C-alpha atoms as a PDB file:
ATOM      1  CA  MET A   1      29.785  27.689   2.501  1.00  0.00           C
ATOM      2  CA  THR A   2      27.562  27.671  -0.589  1.00  0.00           C
ATOM      3  CA  SER A   3      24.991  24.878  -0.534  1.00  0.00           C
ATOM      4  CA  SER A   4      24.767  22.549  -3.531  1.00  0.00           C
ATOM      5  CA  PRO A   5      21.776  23.030  -5.831  1.00  0.00           C
ATOM      6  CA  ALA A   6      18.816  20.725  -5.346  1.00  0.00           C
ATOM      7  CA  ILE A   7      19.135  19.604  -8.969  1.00  0.00           C
ATOM      8  CA  ALA A   8      22.722  19.588 -10.259  1.00  0.00           C
ATOM      9  CA  ILE A   9      22.794  19.409 -14.058  1.00  0.00           C
ATOM     10  CA  GLY A  10      25.262  17.017 -15.681  1.00  0.00           C
ATOM     11  CA  LEU A  11      25.959  15.488 -19.071  1.00  0.00           C
ATOM     12  CA  ASN A  12      26.668  12.034 -20.430  1.00  0.00           C
ATOM     13  CA  ALA A  13      30.363  11.793 -21.358  1.00  0.00           C
ATOM     14  CA  ARG A  14      30.638  11.312 -25.111  1.00  0.00           C
ATOM     15  CA  LEU A  15      33.005   8.345 -25.018  1.00  0.00           C
ATOM     16  CA  PHE A  16      31.127   6.395 -27.673  1.00  0.00           C
ATOM     17  CA  PRO A  17      33.040   4.616 -30.480  1.00  0.00           C
ATOM     18  CA  SER A  18      31.260   6.725 -33.111  1.00  0.00           C
ATOM     19  CA  ASP A  19      31.692   9.999 -31.184  1.00  0.00           C
ATOM     20  CA  TRP A  20      34.703   9.638 -28.885  1.00  0.00           C
ATOM     21  CA  ARG A  21      36.154  12.577 -27.052  1.00  0.00           C
ATOM     22  CA  PRO A  22      38.838  12.399 -24.341  1.00  0.00           C
ATOM     23  CA  ALA A  23      37.326  12.579 -20.867  1.00  0.00           C
ATOM     24  CA  ARG A  24      39.483  15.565 -19.955  1.00  0.00           C
ATOM     25  CA  GLU A  25      38.108  17.504 -22.942  1.00  0.00           C
ATOM     26  CA  GLU A  26      34.584  16.653 -21.816  1.00  0.00           C
ATOM     27  CA  ILE A  27      35.396  17.916 -18.322  1.00  0.00           C
ATOM     28  CA  ALA A  28      36.768  21.168 -19.749  1.00  0.00           C
ATOM     29  CA  PHE A  29      33.660  21.611 -21.912  1.00  0.00           C
ATOM     30  CA  ALA A  30      31.376  20.883 -18.963  1.00  0.00           C
ATOM     31  CA  ARG A  31      33.240  23.329 -16.741  1.00  0.00           C
ATOM     32  CA  ARG A  32      33.066  26.147 -19.299  1.00  0.00           C
ATOM     33  CA  HIS A  33      29.323  25.792 -19.660  1.00  0.00           C
ATOM     34  CA  GLY A  34      28.212  25.323 -16.076  1.00  0.00           C
ATOM     35  CA  PHE A  35      27.649  21.579 -15.794  1.00  0.00           C
ATOM     36  CA  ALA A  36      28.077  20.086 -12.330  1.00  0.00           C
ATOM     37  CA  ALA A  37      28.378  16.359 -13.099  1.00  0.00           C
ATOM     38  CA  LEU A  38      29.702  13.966 -15.713  1.00  0.00           C
ATOM     39  CA  GLN A  39      28.318  10.472 -16.296  1.00  0.00           C
ATOM     40  CA  PHE A  40      30.660   7.703 -17.426  1.00  0.00           C
ATOM     41  CA  ARG A  41      29.487   4.459 -19.029  1.00  0.00           C
ATOM     42  CA  GLY A  42      30.814   1.376 -17.250  1.00  0.00           C
ATOM     43  CA  PRO A  43      31.501  -1.398 -19.812  1.00  0.00           C
ATOM     44  CA  GLU A  44      31.060  -5.044 -18.885  1.00  0.00           C
ATOM     45  CA  ARG A  45      34.828  -5.569 -18.575  1.00  0.00           C
ATOM     46  CA  GLY A  46      35.408  -2.278 -16.791  1.00  0.00           C
ATOM     47  CA  LEU A  47      36.195   1.323 -17.689  1.00  0.00           C
ATOM     48  CA  ASP A  48      39.909   1.832 -18.285  1.00  0.00           C
ATOM     49  CA  ALA A  49      42.414   4.555 -19.118  1.00  0.00           C
ATOM     50  CA  ALA A  50      42.316   3.803 -22.848  1.00  0.00           C
ATOM     51  CA  GLN A  51      38.581   4.468 -22.972  1.00  0.00           C
ATOM     52  CA  LEU A  52      39.011   7.679 -20.984  1.00  0.00           C
ATOM     53  CA  GLY A  53      41.959   8.886 -23.030  1.00  0.00           C
ATOM     54  CA  ASP A  54      44.126   9.400 -19.950  1.00  0.00           C
ATOM     55  CA  SER A  55      44.925   7.887 -16.580  1.00  0.00           C
ATOM     56  CA  PHE A  56      42.382   7.649 -13.781  1.00  0.00           C
ATOM     57  CA  ALA A  57      44.562  10.021 -11.748  1.00  0.00           C
ATOM     58  CA  ALA A  58      44.647  12.706 -14.457  1.00  0.00           C
ATOM     59  CA  VAL A  59      40.879  12.533 -15.036  1.00  0.00           C
ATOM     60  CA  ALA A  60      40.211  12.586 -11.287  1.00  0.00           C
ATOM     61  CA  ALA A  61      42.436  15.656 -10.884  1.00  0.00           C
ATOM     62  CA  ASP A  62      40.513  17.523 -13.590  1.00  0.00           C
ATOM     63  CA  LEU A  63      37.199  16.564 -11.977  1.00  0.00           C
ATOM     64  CA  ARG A  64      38.415  17.926  -8.632  1.00  0.00           C
ATOM     65  CA  GLY A  65      39.685  21.079 -10.276  1.00  0.00           C
ATOM     66  CA  ALA A  66      36.281  21.634 -11.859  1.00  0.00           C
ATOM     67  CA  SER A  67      34.433  20.823  -8.596  1.00  0.00           C
ATOM     68  CA  MET A  68      32.508  18.290 -10.685  1.00  0.00           C
ATOM     69  CA  MET A  69      31.021  15.008  -9.499  1.00  0.00           C
ATOM     70  CA  ALA A  70      31.433  11.792 -11.463  1.00  0.00           C
ATOM     71  CA  VAL A  71      28.660   9.209 -11.749  1.00  0.00           C
ATOM     72  CA  MET A  72      28.549   5.877 -13.569  1.00  0.00           C
ATOM     73  CA  GLU A  73      25.893   3.956 -15.488  1.00  0.00           C
ATOM     74  CA  ILE A  74      26.430   0.240 -16.132  1.00  0.00           C
ATOM     75  CA  VAL A  75      24.190  -0.917 -18.969  1.00  0.00           C
ATOM     76  CA  ALA A  76      23.819  -4.709 -18.983  1.00  0.00           C
ATOM     77  CA  PRO A  77      21.746  -6.492 -21.649  1.00  0.00           C
ATOM     78  CA  VAL A  78      20.604  -9.641 -19.829  1.00  0.00           C
ATOM     79  CA  ASN A  79      18.962 -12.852 -21.016  1.00  0.00           C
ATOM     80  CA  ARG A  80      16.404 -15.000 -19.229  1.00  0.00           C
ATOM     81  CA  SER A  81      19.138 -16.247 -16.914  1.00  0.00           C
ATOM     82  CA  GLY A  82      19.985 -12.709 -15.848  1.00  0.00           C
ATOM     83  CA  ARG A  83      23.364 -12.872 -17.587  1.00  0.00           C
ATOM     84  CA  THR A  84      24.985 -11.082 -20.498  1.00  0.00           C
ATOM     85  CA  ALA A  85      25.884 -12.809 -23.764  1.00  0.00           C
ATOM     86  CA  SER A  86      29.340 -13.580 -22.351  1.00  0.00           C
ATOM     87  CA  GLY A  87      27.851 -15.165 -19.227  1.00  0.00           C
ATOM     88  CA  ALA A  88      28.621 -12.286 -16.861  1.00  0.00           C
ATOM     89  CA  THR A  89      26.215 -11.126 -14.187  1.00  0.00           C
ATOM     90  CA  PRO A  90      25.495  -7.435 -13.551  1.00  0.00           C
ATOM     91  CA  LEU A  91      27.441  -7.774 -10.308  1.00  0.00           C
ATOM     92  CA  ASP A  92      30.456  -9.038 -12.305  1.00  0.00           C
ATOM     93  CA  ALA A  93      30.265  -5.836 -14.364  1.00  0.00           C
ATOM     94  CA  LEU A  94      30.129  -3.681 -11.236  1.00  0.00           C
ATOM     95  CA  ARG A  95      33.176  -5.419  -9.775  1.00  0.00           C
ATOM     96  CA  ALA A  96      35.052  -4.932 -13.067  1.00  0.00           C
ATOM     97  CA  ASN A  97      34.302  -1.203 -12.857  1.00  0.00           C
ATOM     98  CA  LEU A  98      35.234  -0.747  -9.189  1.00  0.00           C
ATOM     99  CA  PRO A  99      38.812   0.434  -9.946  1.00  0.00           C
ATOM    100  CA  ALA A 100      37.400   3.328 -12.000  1.00  0.00           C
ATOM    101  CA  VAL A 101      34.570   4.010  -9.544  1.00  0.00           C
ATOM    102  CA  ILE A 102      37.020   4.270  -6.655  1.00  0.00           C
ATOM    103  CA  ALA A 103      39.721   6.204  -8.521  1.00  0.00           C
ATOM    104  CA  LEU A 104      37.609   8.935 -10.140  1.00  0.00           C
ATOM    105  CA  PRO A 105      35.721   8.675  -7.670  1.00  0.00           C
ATOM    106  CA  CYS A 106      32.072   8.158  -8.607  1.00  0.00           C
ATOM    107  CA  THR A 107      29.486   9.360  -6.091  1.00  0.00           C
ATOM    108  CA  HIS A 108      26.615   7.491  -7.781  1.00  0.00           C
ATOM    109  CA  VAL A 109      26.576   4.184  -9.665  1.00  0.00           C
ATOM    110  CA  HIS A 110      23.574   2.434 -11.149  1.00  0.00           C
ATOM    111  CA  PHE A 111      22.568  -0.582 -13.199  1.00  0.00           C
ATOM    112  CA  HIS A 112      20.438  -0.210 -16.305  1.00  0.00           C
ATOM    113  CA  LEU A 113      19.413  -3.791 -16.995  1.00  0.00           C
ATOM    114  CA  VAL A 114      18.004  -4.178 -20.499  1.00  0.00           C
ATOM    115  CA  PRO A 115      16.328  -7.394 -21.713  1.00  0.00           C
ATOM    116  CA  ALA A 116      18.376  -8.998 -24.488  1.00  0.00           C
ATOM    117  CA  GLU A 117      15.381 -11.026 -25.649  1.00  0.00           C
ATOM    118  CA  SER A 118      11.599 -10.881 -25.526  1.00  0.00           C
ATOM    119  CA  MET A 119      10.162 -11.834 -22.139  1.00  0.00           C
ATOM    120  CA  ASP A 120       6.623 -12.318 -20.873  1.00  0.00           C
ATOM    121  CA  ASP A 121       5.610 -11.410 -17.313  1.00  0.00           C
ATOM    122  CA  ALA A 122       6.620 -14.788 -15.893  1.00  0.00           C
ATOM    123  CA  MET A 123      10.051 -14.532 -17.516  1.00  0.00           C
ATOM    124  CA  LEU A 124      10.468 -10.973 -16.241  1.00  0.00           C
ATOM    125  CA  ASP A 125       9.723 -12.171 -12.716  1.00  0.00           C
ATOM    126  CA  ALA A 126      12.188 -15.012 -13.201  1.00  0.00           C
ATOM    127  CA  VAL A 127      14.912 -12.443 -13.960  1.00  0.00           C
ATOM    128  CA  GLU A 128      13.963  -9.731 -11.456  1.00  0.00           C
ATOM    129  CA  HIS A 129      13.618 -11.982  -8.409  1.00  0.00           C
ATOM    130  CA  PRO A 130      17.028 -13.712  -8.659  1.00  0.00           C
ATOM    131  CA  VAL A 131      18.815 -10.451  -9.470  1.00  0.00           C
ATOM    132  CA  THR A 132      17.537  -8.843  -6.248  1.00  0.00           C
ATOM    133  CA  PRO A 133      20.312 -10.353  -4.068  1.00  0.00           C
ATOM    134  CA  GLU A 134      22.823  -8.928  -6.542  1.00  0.00           C
ATOM    135  CA  LEU A 135      21.262  -5.498  -6.061  1.00  0.00           C
ATOM    136  CA  GLY A 136      21.673  -5.944  -2.325  1.00  0.00           C
ATOM    137  CA  GLU A 137      25.350  -6.862  -2.700  1.00  0.00           C
ATOM    138  CA  ALA A 138      25.877  -3.913  -5.060  1.00  0.00           C
ATOM    139  CA  ALA A 139      24.308  -1.577  -2.489  1.00  0.00           C
ATOM    140  CA  ARG A 140      26.611  -3.069   0.168  1.00  0.00           C
ATOM    141  CA  LEU A 141      29.636  -2.414  -2.072  1.00  0.00           C
ATOM    142  CA  GLY A 142      28.389   1.140  -2.473  1.00  0.00           C
ATOM    143  CA  LYS A 143      28.383   1.684   1.284  1.00  0.00           C
ATOM    144  CA  GLU A 144      31.832   0.108   1.566  1.00  0.00           C
ATOM    145  CA  HIS A 145      33.378   2.251  -1.191  1.00  0.00           C
ATOM    146  CA  GLY A 146      31.457   5.489  -0.734  1.00  0.00           C
ATOM    147  CA  PHE A 147      28.990   5.591  -3.638  1.00  0.00           C
ATOM    148  CA  ARG A 148      25.209   5.481  -3.726  1.00  0.00           C
ATOM    149  CA  PHE A 149      24.000   2.481  -5.726  1.00  0.00           C
ATOM    150  CA  ALA A 150      20.719   2.462  -7.662  1.00  0.00           C
ATOM    151  CA  ILE A 151      18.764   0.814 -10.462  1.00  0.00           C
ATOM    152  CA  GLU A 152      17.219   2.554 -13.477  1.00  0.00           C
ATOM    153  CA  HIS A 153      13.877   1.622 -14.994  1.00  0.00           C
ATOM    154  CA  ASN A 154      13.096   0.860 -18.635  1.00  0.00           C
ATOM    155  CA  GLU A 155      10.359   2.093 -20.907  1.00  0.00           C
ATOM    156  CA  PRO A 156       7.157  -0.022 -20.616  1.00  0.00           C
ATOM    157  CA  SER A 157       7.642  -1.997 -23.835  1.00  0.00           C
ATOM    158  CA  LEU A 158      10.882  -3.513 -22.510  1.00  0.00           C
ATOM    159  CA  GLY A 159       9.206  -4.943 -19.423  1.00  0.00           C
ATOM    160  CA  LEU A 160      12.235  -5.419 -17.167  1.00  0.00           C
ATOM    161  CA  PHE A 161      11.977  -3.071 -14.168  1.00  0.00           C
ATOM    162  CA  ALA A 162       9.663  -1.019 -16.379  1.00  0.00           C
ATOM    163  CA  THR A 163       6.755  -0.103 -14.080  1.00  0.00           C
ATOM    164  CA  PRO A 164       6.566   1.718 -10.749  1.00  0.00           C
ATOM    165  CA  GLU A 165       5.312  -1.496  -9.160  1.00  0.00           C
ATOM    166  CA  ARG A 166       8.245  -3.615 -10.356  1.00  0.00           C
ATOM    167  CA  CYS A 167      10.740  -0.971  -9.236  1.00  0.00           C
ATOM    168  CA  ALA A 168       9.014  -0.495  -5.868  1.00  0.00           C
ATOM    169  CA  ARG A 169       9.229  -4.240  -5.258  1.00  0.00           C
ATOM    170  CA  ALA A 170      13.016  -4.159  -5.687  1.00  0.00           C
ATOM    171  CA  LEU A 171      13.304  -1.085  -3.465  1.00  0.00           C
ATOM    172  CA  GLU A 172      11.253  -2.770  -0.769  1.00  0.00           C
ATOM    173  CA  ALA A 173      13.467  -5.862  -0.908  1.00  0.00           C
ATOM    174  CA  VAL A 174      16.757  -3.888  -0.702  1.00  0.00           C
ATOM    175  CA  SER A 175      16.584  -1.068   1.821  1.00  0.00           C
ATOM    176  CA  ASP A 176      19.779   0.686   0.640  1.00  0.00           C
ATOM    177  CA  LEU A 177      18.905   0.527  -3.065  1.00  0.00           C
ATOM    178  CA  GLY A 178      18.251   3.797  -4.887  1.00  0.00           C
ATOM    179  CA  PHE A 179      16.121   4.458  -7.962  1.00  0.00           C
ATOM    180  CA  VAL A 180      17.204   6.440 -11.043  1.00  0.00           C
ATOM    181  CA  TRP A 181      14.188   7.996 -12.718  1.00  0.00           C
ATOM    182  CA  ASP A 182      14.448   8.583 -16.476  1.00  0.00           C
ATOM    183  CA  LEU A 183      11.831  11.165 -17.428  1.00  0.00           C
ATOM    184  CA  ASN A 184      12.049  10.168 -21.080  1.00  0.00           C
ATOM    185  CA  HIS A 185      11.209   6.517 -20.278  1.00  0.00           C
ATOM    186  CA  THR A 186       7.990   7.455 -18.484  1.00  0.00           C
ATOM    187  CA  ILE A 187       4.517   7.234 -19.991  1.00  0.00           C
ATOM    188  CA  PRO A 188       1.942   9.635 -18.483  1.00  0.00           C
ATOM    189  CA  ALA A 189       0.106   6.775 -16.752  1.00  0.00           C
ATOM    190  CA  HIS A 190       3.273   5.945 -14.761  1.00  0.00           C
ATOM    191  CA  LEU A 191       4.131   9.517 -13.739  1.00  0.00           C
ATOM    192  CA  ASP A 192       2.483   9.526 -10.306  1.00  0.00           C
ATOM    193  CA  GLY A 193       3.817   6.063  -9.527  1.00  0.00           C
ATOM    194  CA  PHE A 194       7.414   7.039 -10.224  1.00  0.00           C
ATOM    195  CA  LEU A 195       7.068  10.377  -8.400  1.00  0.00           C
ATOM    196  CA  ALA A 196       5.992   8.384  -5.334  1.00  0.00           C
ATOM    197  CA  LEU A 197       9.513   6.892  -5.365  1.00  0.00           C
ATOM    198  CA  THR A 198      11.181  10.331  -5.023  1.00  0.00           C
ATOM    199  CA  PRO A 199      12.441   9.603  -1.476  1.00  0.00           C
ATOM    200  CA  ARG A 200      14.557   6.788  -2.957  1.00  0.00           C
ATOM    201  CA  MET A 201      15.838   8.804  -5.954  1.00  0.00           C
ATOM    202  CA  PRO A 202      19.510   9.802  -5.784  1.00  0.00           C
ATOM    203  CA  MET A 203      19.710  10.794  -9.458  1.00  0.00           C
ATOM    204  CA  LEU A 204      17.754  11.576 -12.635  1.00  0.00           C
ATOM    205  CA  HIS A 205      18.178  11.040 -16.369  1.00  0.00           C
ATOM    206  CA  VAL A 206      16.685  13.854 -18.422  1.00  0.00           C
ATOM    207  CA  SER A 207      15.879  14.238 -22.109  1.00  0.00           C
ATOM    208  CA  ASP A 208      12.817  15.085 -24.172  1.00  0.00           C
ATOM    209  CA  THR A 209      10.391  12.819 -25.999  1.00  0.00           C
ATOM    210  CA  LEU A 210       7.216  13.213 -28.022  1.00  0.00           C
ATOM    211  CA  LEU A 211       4.673  11.946 -25.502  1.00  0.00           C
ATOM    212  CA  PRO A 212       2.885   9.601 -25.398  1.00  0.00           C
ATOM    213  CA  ALA A 213       5.830   8.014 -27.268  1.00  0.00           C
ATOM    214  CA  VAL A 214       8.833   7.484 -25.002  1.00  0.00           C
ATOM    215  CA  ASN A 215      12.571   6.809 -25.182  1.00  0.00           C
ATOM    216  CA  HIS A 216      13.432   9.295 -27.929  1.00  0.00           C
ATOM    217  CA  HIS A 217      16.302  10.917 -25.949  1.00  0.00           C
ATOM    218  CA  LEU A 218      15.833  14.256 -27.692  1.00  0.00           C
ATOM    219  CA  PRO A 219      17.489  17.566 -26.790  1.00  0.00           C
ATOM    220  CA  LEU A 220      15.236  19.589 -24.513  1.00  0.00           C
ATOM    221  CA  GLY A 221      12.579  21.576 -26.356  1.00  0.00           C
ATOM    222  CA  LEU A 222      12.245  19.096 -29.236  1.00  0.00           C
ATOM    223  CA  GLY A 223       9.636  16.964 -27.459  1.00  0.00           C
ATOM    224  CA  SER A 224       6.580  17.566 -25.307  1.00  0.00           C
ATOM    225  CA  ILE A 225       7.682  16.871 -21.715  1.00  0.00           C
ATOM    226  CA  ASP A 226       6.580  19.671 -19.356  1.00  0.00           C
ATOM    227  CA  LEU A 227       9.942  19.859 -17.630  1.00  0.00           C
ATOM    228  CA  THR A 228       8.946  22.683 -15.275  1.00  0.00           C
ATOM    229  CA  ALA A 229       6.001  20.638 -14.004  1.00  0.00           C
ATOM    230  CA  TYR A 230       8.221  17.581 -13.480  1.00  0.00           C
ATOM    231  CA  CYS A 231      10.841  19.653 -11.634  1.00  0.00           C
ATOM    232  CA  THR A 232       8.153  21.265  -9.475  1.00  0.00           C
ATOM    233  CA  ALA A 233       6.812  17.854  -8.487  1.00  0.00           C
ATOM    234  CA  LEU A 234      10.319  16.601  -7.675  1.00  0.00           C
ATOM    235  CA  LEU A 235      11.339  19.633  -5.620  1.00  0.00           C
ATOM    236  CA  ALA A 236       8.046  19.593  -3.723  1.00  0.00           C
ATOM    237  CA  ARG A 237       8.858  16.004  -2.740  1.00  0.00           C
ATOM    238  CA  GLY A 238      12.379  16.865  -1.617  1.00  0.00           C
ATOM    239  CA  PHE A 239      14.534  15.602  -4.498  1.00  0.00           C
ATOM    240  CA  HIS A 240      18.222  16.518  -4.228  1.00  0.00           C
ATOM    241  CA  GLY A 241      20.867  15.147  -6.570  1.00  0.00           C
ATOM    242  CA  PRO A 242      22.444  15.138 -10.026  1.00  0.00           C
ATOM    243  CA  ALA A 243      20.360  15.099 -13.206  1.00  0.00           C
ATOM    244  CA  ILE A 244      22.174  13.859 -16.292  1.00  0.00           C
ATOM    245  CA  LEU A 245      21.235  15.084 -19.753  1.00  0.00           C
ATOM    246  CA  GLU A 246      21.028  12.050 -22.065  1.00  0.00           C
ATOM    247  CA  ILE A 247      20.102  13.784 -25.318  1.00  0.00           C
ATOM    248  CA  GLY A 248      22.037  11.698 -27.837  1.00  0.00           C
ATOM    249  CA  GLY A 249      18.961  10.435 -29.693  1.00  0.00           C
ATOM    250  CA  LEU A 250      18.000   6.934 -30.810  1.00  0.00           C
ATOM    251  CA  PRO A 251      17.134   5.442 -34.227  1.00  0.00           C
ATOM    252  CA  GLN A 252      13.410   6.032 -33.659  1.00  0.00           C
ATOM    253  CA  SER A 253      14.088   9.742 -33.110  1.00  0.00           C
ATOM    254  CA  GLY A 254      16.324  10.334 -36.096  1.00  0.00           C
ATOM    255  CA  GLY A 255      19.537   8.599 -35.058  1.00  0.00           C
ATOM    256  CA  PHE A 256      22.394   9.007 -32.615  1.00  0.00           C
ATOM    257  CA  GLY A 257      24.749  11.951 -32.234  1.00  0.00           C
ATOM    258  CA  ARG A 258      22.210  14.618 -31.323  1.00  0.00           C
ATOM    259  CA  ASP A 259      24.197  15.589 -28.215  1.00  0.00           C
ATOM    260  CA  THR A 260      26.296  18.211 -30.002  1.00  0.00           C
ATOM    261  CA  ASP A 261      27.998  20.962 -28.027  1.00  0.00           C
ATOM    262  CA  GLU A 262      25.301  23.389 -29.129  1.00  0.00           C
ATOM    263  CA  ALA A 263      22.460  21.042 -28.151  1.00  0.00           C
ATOM    264  CA  LEU A 264      23.966  20.388 -24.724  1.00  0.00           C
ATOM    265  CA  ILE A 265      24.492  24.087 -24.033  1.00  0.00           C
ATOM    266  CA  ASP A 266      20.935  24.907 -25.104  1.00  0.00           C
ATOM    267  CA  SER A 267      19.453  21.985 -23.157  1.00  0.00           C
ATOM    268  CA  ARG A 268      21.340  22.969 -20.004  1.00  0.00           C
ATOM    269  CA  TRP A 269      19.964  26.507 -20.324  1.00  0.00           C
ATOM    270  CA  ARG A 270      16.399  25.216 -20.801  1.00  0.00           C
ATOM    271  CA  PHE A 271      16.771  22.784 -17.909  1.00  0.00           C
ATOM    272  CA  GLN A 272      18.093  25.482 -15.578  1.00  0.00           C
ATOM    273  CA  ALA A 273      15.214  27.785 -16.527  1.00  0.00           C
ATOM    274  CA  SER A 274      12.748  25.015 -15.645  1.00  0.00           C
ATOM    275  CA  ILE A 275      14.511  24.360 -12.334  1.00  0.00           C
ATOM    276  CA  ASP A 276      14.419  28.070 -11.474  1.00  0.00           C
ATOM    277  CA  ALA A 277      10.710  28.332 -12.333  1.00  0.00           C
ATOM    278  CA  ALA A 278       9.971  25.198 -10.310  1.00  0.00           C
ATOM    279  CA  SER A 279      11.908  26.553  -7.319  1.00  0.00           C
ATOM    280  CA  ARG A 280       9.882  29.764  -7.407  1.00  0.00           C
ATOM    281  CA  ALA A 281       6.630  27.795  -7.556  1.00  0.00           C
ATOM    282  CA  VAL A 282       7.599  25.513  -4.654  1.00  0.00           C
ATOM    283  CA  ASN A 283       8.806  28.448  -2.552  1.00  0.00           C
ATOM    284  CA  ALA A 284       5.596  30.388  -3.245  1.00  0.00           C
ATOM    285  CA  ALA A 285       3.489  27.390  -2.238  1.00  0.00           C
ATOM    286  CA  SER A 286       5.526  27.002   0.951  1.00  0.00           C
ATOM    287  CA  ARG A 287       5.077  30.668   1.828  1.00  0.00           C
ATOM    288  CA  ALA A 288       1.334  30.382   1.255  1.00  0.00           C
ATOM    289  CA  VAL A 289       1.108  27.367   3.564  1.00  0.00           C
ATOM    290  CA  ASN A 290       3.149  29.132   6.237  1.00  0.00           C
ATOM    291  CA  ALA A 291       1.014  32.263   5.969  1.00  0.00           C
ATOM    292  CA  ALA A 292      -2.168  30.210   6.320  1.00  0.00           C
ATOM    293  CA  SER A 293      -0.721  28.434   9.355  1.00  0.00           C
ATOM    294  CA  ARG A 294       0.216  31.734  10.995  1.00  0.00           C
ATOM    295  CA  ALA A 295      -3.266  33.064  10.337  1.00  0.00           C
ATOM    296  CA  VAL A 296      -4.826  30.041  11.983  1.00  0.00           C
ATOM    297  CA  ASN A 297      -2.523  30.316  15.006  1.00  0.00           C
ATOM    298  CA  ALA A 298      -3.232  34.059  15.340  1.00  0.00           C
ATOM    299  CA  ALA A 299      -7.031  33.673  15.165  1.00  0.00           C
ATOM    300  CA  PRO A 300      -8.880  34.285  18.469  1.00  0.00           C
ATOM    301  CA  ARG A 301      -9.692  31.073  20.253  1.00  0.00           C
ATOM    302  CA  GLN A 302     -13.327  30.581  21.156  1.00  0.00           C
END
């Protein structure tokens, strides 16, 4: 049996209103070009067949046929009460998406909680602390239904779950909670702190950005992230899981829609080259350590 790669490259399904493609076409594209995972966006009221362009059963069959894993991101803009504009909680959104999560099925599901208004540190604490029990219940639902549940961090300017310390506090409070690291959200000063959370990382989000600026969501090669160095650090710490390319762009980086077929194909190639280089570096370091250990063990004892 062939083992799964340590870092399995996936793409964000382009099911956006301004750039909608049927999920089955996205699966076919991903299969042709060597992607191993597809991320679906879970809307507040739940992902349904109309948004996918076909039934859950048909999409699930294509995913199986392509030997491709499905993952889900639930983006929830929350106010100071930890609720969306309609009054829903993040947990409400997860429950609304459970039919899709179970049917596809999704192996990984995570919240990306975004502040819907400006918040100071006290307000951030007032949101993060009460939402922690919801994270625990979401993790419990994950164990019940067979998916790994996690939370994604924000860029520093957004505040909510935006630093290694804030994320580590949630992980400490909920033992089964995972952490999705977004390389493009990470300022250099936070790099070591987020890498320390690798044992709790089931998944990555990957795109480029022009450091020290963050959150540009550029195709790989258009920013300044040293992807090989990041992959080396992750593999050396034992990371194993899907890594989703989120290269659609944002207004501050020239607008949306940058995740064209050509950009995704090129970014996957660049990402795989970085993974391969990182694997060689980690393997070489391991061989050097083993050789040094053998030399010590073989040395005459005084």
